[in-house]
Amino acid sequence: MQNELSLFIKEALEKGQSREAIQSALQKAGWRQEEIANGLSLFADIHFPVAVPRPKPYLQAREAFLYLISFIALYVSAFSFGLLLFNFVDHWFPDPVSFRQGFSAGAIRMGLASIIVAFPLYLFMMWLLARGAVKDPERRRSKVGKWLTYLTLVVAAAIILGDLIVVVAGLLGGELTIRFILKALVVLAVTGSIFGYYLWSLQAEEKEK
């Protein structure tokens, strides 16, 4: 179907039809806005007797490496930040039946070290990707970037769903404590922030198209 769409757009452009007219005709025929936008983006918006194709999106090993490292660094940063907050919750609301009270020095050191290393690495990788997209806008259509972004959304949504299920189960069992509630809120806040940011990023990219 995509080949038929691109062929139609190519022939329509070569016959002098405007992009607005092509978009209107395709919408009336039942094509989705996203499909139409992707089809039109295959051809450069320049005046020429025939439709001029844009360079097709490509996937370089370097780009895949940058995306993978950036998301791994994000996961490590989020996990470590959550552990740090858990330690604060344990310190402020100690468990009366637990022999271990207060901060865990080892967990604090490990969490801080992970954030100090991983989060700047995440920011640096995202800066490299953003700079590459400015130089070559076609990279914004990278499939590996979208796949990893959607994977991150799935992971975050699964964690949020699991967190809410645990909270409801605790509520039904009458075992909710302030420690339990605060830790559930930590998980919800961390994963919800990641989910919200990347969902907004994808929506902004679609609007830009």
C-alpha atoms as a PDB file:
ATOM      1  CA  MET A   1       0.000   0.000   0.000  1.00  0.00           C
ATOM      2  CA  GLN A   2       2.847   2.401   0.748  1.00  0.00           C
ATOM      3  CA  ASN A   3       4.259   1.806  -2.737  1.00  0.00           C
ATOM      4  CA  GLU A   4       0.873   2.708  -4.225  1.00  0.00           C
ATOM      5  CA  LEU A   5       0.738   5.850  -2.096  1.00  0.00           C
ATOM      6  CA  SER A   6       4.230   7.015  -3.047  1.00  0.00           C
ATOM      7  CA  LEU A   7       3.556   6.257  -6.717  1.00  0.00           C
ATOM      8  CA  PHE A   8       0.329   8.270  -6.618  1.00  0.00           C
ATOM      9  CA  ILE A   9       2.064  11.223  -4.950  1.00  0.00           C
ATOM     10  CA  LYS A  10       4.924  11.047  -7.442  1.00  0.00           C
ATOM     11  CA  GLU A  11       2.578  11.120 -10.446  1.00  0.00           C
ATOM     12  CA  ALA A  12       0.432  13.874  -8.934  1.00  0.00           C
ATOM     13  CA  LEU A  13       3.446  16.088  -8.261  1.00  0.00           C
ATOM     14  CA  GLU A  14       4.736  15.548 -11.780  1.00  0.00           C
ATOM     15  CA  LYS A  15       1.340  16.633 -13.142  1.00  0.00           C
ATOM     16  CA  GLY A  16       1.625  19.907 -11.258  1.00  0.00           C
ATOM     17  CA  GLN A  17      -0.748  19.183  -8.398  1.00  0.00           C
ATOM     18  CA  SER A  18      -0.034  21.089  -5.176  1.00  0.00           C
ATOM     19  CA  ARG A  19       0.766  19.298  -1.960  1.00  0.00           C
ATOM     20  CA  GLU A  20      -2.396  20.689  -0.401  1.00  0.00           C
ATOM     21  CA  ALA A  21      -4.526  19.285  -3.226  1.00  0.00           C
ATOM     22  CA  ILE A  22      -2.814  15.891  -2.971  1.00  0.00           C
ATOM     23  CA  GLN A  23      -3.303  15.823   0.784  1.00  0.00           C
ATOM     24  CA  SER A  24      -6.973  16.748   0.459  1.00  0.00           C
ATOM     25  CA  ALA A  25      -7.601  14.041  -2.158  1.00  0.00           C
ATOM     26  CA  LEU A  26      -5.880  11.368  -0.072  1.00  0.00           C
ATOM     27  CA  GLN A  27      -7.798  12.360   3.051  1.00  0.00           C
ATOM     28  CA  LYS A  28     -11.068  12.040   1.166  1.00  0.00           C
ATOM     29  CA  ALA A  29      -9.931   8.604  -0.019  1.00  0.00           C
ATOM     30  CA  GLY A  30      -9.454   7.497   3.590  1.00  0.00           C
ATOM     31  CA  TRP A  31      -5.684   7.710   4.047  1.00  0.00           C
ATOM     32  CA  ARG A  32      -4.494   8.625   7.532  1.00  0.00           C
ATOM     33  CA  GLN A  33      -2.751  11.941   8.109  1.00  0.00           C
ATOM     34  CA  GLU A  34       0.433  10.219   9.246  1.00  0.00           C
ATOM     35  CA  GLU A  35       0.567   8.088   6.090  1.00  0.00           C
ATOM     36  CA  ILE A  36       0.020  11.136   3.890  1.00  0.00           C
ATOM     37  CA  ALA A  37       2.719  13.145   5.692  1.00  0.00           C
ATOM     38  CA  ASN A  38       5.197  10.291   5.400  1.00  0.00           C
ATOM     39  CA  GLY A  39       4.394   9.875   1.709  1.00  0.00           C
ATOM     40  CA  LEU A  40       4.814  13.567   0.936  1.00  0.00           C
ATOM     41  CA  SER A  41       8.063  13.699   2.910  1.00  0.00           C
ATOM     42  CA  LEU A  42       9.591  11.247   0.426  1.00  0.00           C
ATOM     43  CA  PHE A  43       9.746  14.028  -2.174  1.00  0.00           C
ATOM     44  CA  ALA A  44      11.498  17.386  -1.931  1.00  0.00           C
ATOM     45  CA  ASP A  45       9.326  20.504  -1.967  1.00  0.00           C
ATOM     46  CA  ILE A  46      11.063  22.163  -4.945  1.00  0.00           C
ATOM     47  CA  HIS A  47       9.933  23.240  -8.400  1.00  0.00           C
ATOM     48  CA  PHE A  48      11.092  20.732 -11.014  1.00  0.00           C
ATOM     49  CA  PRO A  49       9.438  18.991 -13.999  1.00  0.00           C
ATOM     50  CA  VAL A  50       9.529  15.640 -12.195  1.00  0.00           C
ATOM     51  CA  ALA A  51       9.167  14.712  -8.526  1.00  0.00           C
ATOM     52  CA  VAL A  52      12.528  14.856  -6.763  1.00  0.00           C
ATOM     53  CA  PRO A  53      12.945  12.104  -4.146  1.00  0.00           C
ATOM     54  CA  ARG A  54      14.560  12.869  -0.822  1.00  0.00           C
ATOM     55  CA  PRO A  55      17.382  10.678   0.464  1.00  0.00           C
ATOM     56  CA  LYS A  56      15.852   7.699   2.215  1.00  0.00           C
ATOM     57  CA  PRO A  57      16.324   7.456   5.975  1.00  0.00           C
ATOM     58  CA  TYR A  58      19.361   5.370   6.759  1.00  0.00           C
ATOM     59  CA  LEU A  59      20.515   3.543   9.823  1.00  0.00           C
ATOM     60  CA  GLN A  60      24.175   3.796  10.630  1.00  0.00           C
ATOM     61  CA  ALA A  61      25.924   1.668  13.201  1.00  0.00           C
ATOM     62  CA  ARG A  62      27.128   4.844  14.917  1.00  0.00           C
ATOM     63  CA  GLU A  63      23.567   6.158  15.271  1.00  0.00           C
ATOM     64  CA  ALA A  64      22.329   2.860  16.692  1.00  0.00           C
ATOM     65  CA  PHE A  65      25.238   2.893  19.148  1.00  0.00           C
ATOM     66  CA  LEU A  66      24.383   6.424  20.332  1.00  0.00           C
ATOM     67  CA  TYR A  67      20.724   5.589  20.857  1.00  0.00           C
ATOM     68  CA  LEU A  68      21.463   2.365  22.717  1.00  0.00           C
ATOM     69  CA  ILE A  69      24.022   3.974  25.014  1.00  0.00           C
ATOM     70  CA  SER A  70      21.744   6.934  25.727  1.00  0.00           C
ATOM     71  CA  PHE A  71      18.788   4.747  26.730  1.00  0.00           C
ATOM     72  CA  ILE A  72      20.953   2.403  28.805  1.00  0.00           C
ATOM     73  CA  ALA A  73      22.367   5.442  30.620  1.00  0.00           C
ATOM     74  CA  LEU A  74      18.811   6.712  31.158  1.00  0.00           C
ATOM     75  CA  TYR A  75      17.684   3.398  32.660  1.00  0.00           C
ATOM     76  CA  VAL A  76      20.693   3.278  34.982  1.00  0.00           C
ATOM     77  CA  SER A  77      20.155   6.901  36.070  1.00  0.00           C
ATOM     78  CA  ALA A  78      16.452   6.382  36.767  1.00  0.00           C
ATOM     79  CA  PHE A  79      17.050   3.149  38.711  1.00  0.00           C
ATOM     80  CA  SER A  80      19.832   4.703  40.797  1.00  0.00           C
ATOM     81  CA  PHE A  81      17.801   7.820  41.540  1.00  0.00           C
ATOM     82  CA  GLY A  82      14.920   5.639  42.694  1.00  0.00           C
ATOM     83  CA  LEU A  83      17.220   3.682  45.021  1.00  0.00           C
ATOM     84  CA  LEU A  84      18.515   6.917  46.539  1.00  0.00           C
ATOM     85  CA  LEU A  85      14.973   8.079  47.245  1.00  0.00           C
ATOM     86  CA  PHE A  86      14.151   4.677  48.741  1.00  0.00           C
ATOM     87  CA  ASN A  87      17.046   5.154  51.183  1.00  0.00           C
ATOM     88  CA  PHE A  88      15.669   8.516  52.254  1.00  0.00           C
ATOM     89  CA  VAL A  89      12.243   6.964  52.799  1.00  0.00           C
ATOM     90  CA  ASP A  90      13.792   4.176  54.904  1.00  0.00           C
ATOM     91  CA  HIS A  91      15.697   6.772  56.937  1.00  0.00           C
ATOM     92  CA  TRP A  92      12.774   9.091  57.587  1.00  0.00           C
ATOM     93  CA  PHE A  93      10.258   6.296  58.208  1.00  0.00           C
ATOM     94  CA  PRO A  94      12.183   3.376  59.735  1.00  0.00           C
ATOM     95  CA  ASP A  95      10.655  -0.074  59.927  1.00  0.00           C
ATOM     96  CA  PRO A  96      10.238  -0.948  63.619  1.00  0.00           C
ATOM     97  CA  VAL A  97      10.705  -4.680  62.966  1.00  0.00           C
ATOM     98  CA  SER A  98      13.863  -4.255  60.888  1.00  0.00           C
ATOM     99  CA  PHE A  99      17.347  -4.514  62.386  1.00  0.00           C
ATOM    100  CA  ARG A 100      18.738  -2.142  59.728  1.00  0.00           C
ATOM    101  CA  GLN A 101      17.889   1.495  60.353  1.00  0.00           C
ATOM    102  CA  GLY A 102      19.043   4.754  58.733  1.00  0.00           C
ATOM    103  CA  PHE A 103      20.982   5.224  55.561  1.00  0.00           C
ATOM    104  CA  SER A 104      22.836   2.434  53.786  1.00  0.00           C
ATOM    105  CA  ALA A 105      26.241   3.955  53.059  1.00  0.00           C
ATOM    106  CA  GLY A 106      27.018   1.414  50.345  1.00  0.00           C
ATOM    107  CA  ALA A 107      23.720   1.996  48.556  1.00  0.00           C
ATOM    108  CA  ILE A 108      24.158   5.777  48.774  1.00  0.00           C
ATOM    109  CA  ARG A 109      27.673   5.624  47.316  1.00  0.00           C
ATOM    110  CA  MET A 110      26.646   3.283  44.527  1.00  0.00           C
ATOM    111  CA  GLY A 111      23.566   5.322  43.655  1.00  0.00           C
ATOM    112  CA  LEU A 112      25.473   8.599  43.557  1.00  0.00           C
ATOM    113  CA  ALA A 113      28.310   7.086  41.545  1.00  0.00           C
ATOM    114  CA  SER A 114      25.848   5.649  39.020  1.00  0.00           C
ATOM    115  CA  ILE A 115      24.072   8.973  38.577  1.00  0.00           C
ATOM    116  CA  ILE A 116      27.342  10.944  38.332  1.00  0.00           C
ATOM    117  CA  VAL A 117      28.538   8.648  35.550  1.00  0.00           C
ATOM    118  CA  ALA A 118      25.324   7.673  33.745  1.00  0.00           C
ATOM    119  CA  PHE A 119      23.277  10.882  33.640  1.00  0.00           C
ATOM    120  CA  PRO A 120      25.976  13.126  32.083  1.00  0.00           C
ATOM    121  CA  LEU A 121      26.604  10.313  29.601  1.00  0.00           C
ATOM    122  CA  TYR A 122      22.890  10.306  28.716  1.00  0.00           C
ATOM    123  CA  LEU A 123      22.896  14.085  28.219  1.00  0.00           C
ATOM    124  CA  PHE A 124      26.034  13.905  26.095  1.00  0.00           C
ATOM    125  CA  MET A 125      24.602  11.180  23.848  1.00  0.00           C
ATOM    126  CA  MET A 126      21.355  13.081  23.403  1.00  0.00           C
ATOM    127  CA  TRP A 127      23.360  16.197  22.518  1.00  0.00           C
ATOM    128  CA  LEU A 128      25.272  14.251  19.870  1.00  0.00           C
ATOM    129  CA  LEU A 129      22.002  12.933  18.419  1.00  0.00           C
ATOM    130  CA  ALA A 130      20.419  16.398  18.425  1.00  0.00           C
ATOM    131  CA  ARG A 131      23.464  17.907  16.731  1.00  0.00           C
ATOM    132  CA  GLY A 132      23.390  15.176  14.084  1.00  0.00           C
ATOM    133  CA  ALA A 133      19.676  15.826  13.466  1.00  0.00           C
ATOM    134  CA  VAL A 134      20.370  19.543  12.932  1.00  0.00           C
ATOM    135  CA  LYS A 135      23.040  18.782  10.351  1.00  0.00           C
ATOM    136  CA  ASP A 136      20.944  16.083   8.684  1.00  0.00           C
ATOM    137  CA  PRO A 137      17.171  16.415   9.352  1.00  0.00           C
ATOM    138  CA  GLU A 138      16.573  12.988   7.790  1.00  0.00           C
ATOM    139  CA  ARG A 139      18.012  11.426  10.930  1.00  0.00           C
ATOM    140  CA  ARG A 140      14.914  12.508  12.811  1.00  0.00           C
ATOM    141  CA  ARG A 141      13.098   9.760  10.926  1.00  0.00           C
ATOM    142  CA  SER A 142      15.508   7.127  12.211  1.00  0.00           C
ATOM    143  CA  LYS A 143      13.656   3.886  12.821  1.00  0.00           C
ATOM    144  CA  VAL A 144      16.018   2.718  15.553  1.00  0.00           C
ATOM    145  CA  GLY A 145      15.380   5.920  17.512  1.00  0.00           C
ATOM    146  CA  LYS A 146      11.620   5.482  17.291  1.00  0.00           C
ATOM    147  CA  TRP A 147      11.764   1.783  18.154  1.00  0.00           C
ATOM    148  CA  LEU A 148      13.852   2.438  21.260  1.00  0.00           C
ATOM    149  CA  THR A 149      11.649   5.362  22.249  1.00  0.00           C
ATOM    150  CA  TYR A 150       8.513   3.252  21.982  1.00  0.00           C
ATOM    151  CA  LEU A 151      10.266   0.444  23.854  1.00  0.00           C
ATOM    152  CA  THR A 152      11.043   2.910  26.635  1.00  0.00           C
ATOM    153  CA  LEU A 153       7.391   3.947  26.703  1.00  0.00           C
ATOM    154  CA  VAL A 154       6.319   0.306  26.953  1.00  0.00           C
ATOM    155  CA  VAL A 155       8.758  -0.388  29.808  1.00  0.00           C
ATOM    156  CA  ALA A 156       7.697   2.765  31.674  1.00  0.00           C
ATOM    157  CA  ALA A 157       4.000   2.002  31.157  1.00  0.00           C
ATOM    158  CA  ALA A 158       4.495  -1.569  32.397  1.00  0.00           C
ATOM    159  CA  ILE A 159       6.267  -0.321  35.536  1.00  0.00           C
ATOM    160  CA  ILE A 160       3.564   2.267  36.186  1.00  0.00           C
ATOM    161  CA  LEU A 161       0.847  -0.347  35.726  1.00  0.00           C
ATOM    162  CA  GLY A 162       2.638  -2.796  38.023  1.00  0.00           C
ATOM    163  CA  ASP A 163       3.145  -0.077  40.622  1.00  0.00           C
ATOM    164  CA  LEU A 164      -0.547   0.816  40.612  1.00  0.00           C
ATOM    165  CA  ILE A 165      -1.518  -2.858  40.881  1.00  0.00           C
ATOM    166  CA  VAL A 166       0.743  -3.303  43.905  1.00  0.00           C
ATOM    167  CA  VAL A 167      -0.717  -0.200  45.547  1.00  0.00           C
ATOM    168  CA  VAL A 168      -4.284  -1.390  44.991  1.00  0.00           C
ATOM    169  CA  ALA A 169      -3.393  -4.882  46.220  1.00  0.00           C
ATOM    170  CA  GLY A 170      -1.880  -3.386  49.374  1.00  0.00           C
ATOM    171  CA  LEU A 171      -4.953  -1.244  49.862  1.00  0.00           C
ATOM    172  CA  LEU A 172      -7.252  -4.260  49.535  1.00  0.00           C
ATOM    173  CA  GLY A 173      -5.071  -6.240  51.942  1.00  0.00           C
ATOM    174  CA  GLY A 174      -4.970  -3.477  54.519  1.00  0.00           C
ATOM    175  CA  GLU A 175      -1.150  -3.481  54.536  1.00  0.00           C
ATOM    176  CA  LEU A 176      -0.527   0.070  53.344  1.00  0.00           C
ATOM    177  CA  THR A 177       2.052   2.017  55.347  1.00  0.00           C
ATOM    178  CA  ILE A 178       3.590   5.420  54.802  1.00  0.00           C
ATOM    179  CA  ARG A 179       6.820   3.719  53.675  1.00  0.00           C
ATOM    180  CA  PHE A 180       4.964   1.638  51.128  1.00  0.00           C
ATOM    181  CA  ILE A 181       3.002   4.620  49.784  1.00  0.00           C
ATOM    182  CA  LEU A 182       6.077   6.832  49.460  1.00  0.00           C
ATOM    183  CA  LYS A 183       8.086   4.155  47.642  1.00  0.00           C
ATOM    184  CA  ALA A 184       5.184   3.563  45.271  1.00  0.00           C
ATOM    185  CA  LEU A 185       5.021   7.308  44.617  1.00  0.00           C
ATOM    186  CA  VAL A 186       8.771   7.363  43.926  1.00  0.00           C
ATOM    187  CA  VAL A 187       8.430   4.653  41.294  1.00  0.00           C
ATOM    188  CA  LEU A 188       5.401   6.386  39.804  1.00  0.00           C
ATOM    189  CA  ALA A 189       7.131   9.780  39.698  1.00  0.00           C
ATOM    190  CA  VAL A 190      10.375   8.534  38.134  1.00  0.00           C
ATOM    191  CA  THR A 191       8.815   6.297  35.502  1.00  0.00           C
ATOM    192  CA  GLY A 192       5.951   8.725  34.890  1.00  0.00           C
ATOM    193  CA  SER A 193       8.406  11.536  34.174  1.00  0.00           C
ATOM    194  CA  ILE A 194      10.242   9.415  31.615  1.00  0.00           C
ATOM    195  CA  PHE A 195       6.992   8.243  30.039  1.00  0.00           C
ATOM    196  CA  GLY A 196       5.587  11.767  29.874  1.00  0.00           C
ATOM    197  CA  TYR A 197       8.735  13.291  28.384  1.00  0.00           C
ATOM    198  CA  TYR A 198       9.146  10.757  25.583  1.00  0.00           C
ATOM    199  CA  LEU A 199       5.439  10.685  24.805  1.00  0.00           C
ATOM    200  CA  TRP A 200       5.512  14.478  24.498  1.00  0.00           C
ATOM    201  CA  SER A 201       8.637  14.226  22.328  1.00  0.00           C
ATOM    202  CA  LEU A 202       6.955  11.822  19.905  1.00  0.00           C
ATOM    203  CA  GLN A 203       3.800  13.932  19.728  1.00  0.00           C
ATOM    204  CA  ALA A 204       5.830  17.088  19.100  1.00  0.00           C
ATOM    205  CA  GLU A 205       7.721  15.343  16.316  1.00  0.00           C
ATOM    206  CA  GLU A 206       4.466  14.241  14.673  1.00  0.00           C
ATOM    207  CA  LYS A 207       3.053  17.778  14.872  1.00  0.00           C
ATOM    208  CA  GLU A 208       6.250  19.146  13.352  1.00  0.00           C
ATOM    209  CA  LYS A 209       5.857  16.780  10.408  1.00  0.00           C
END
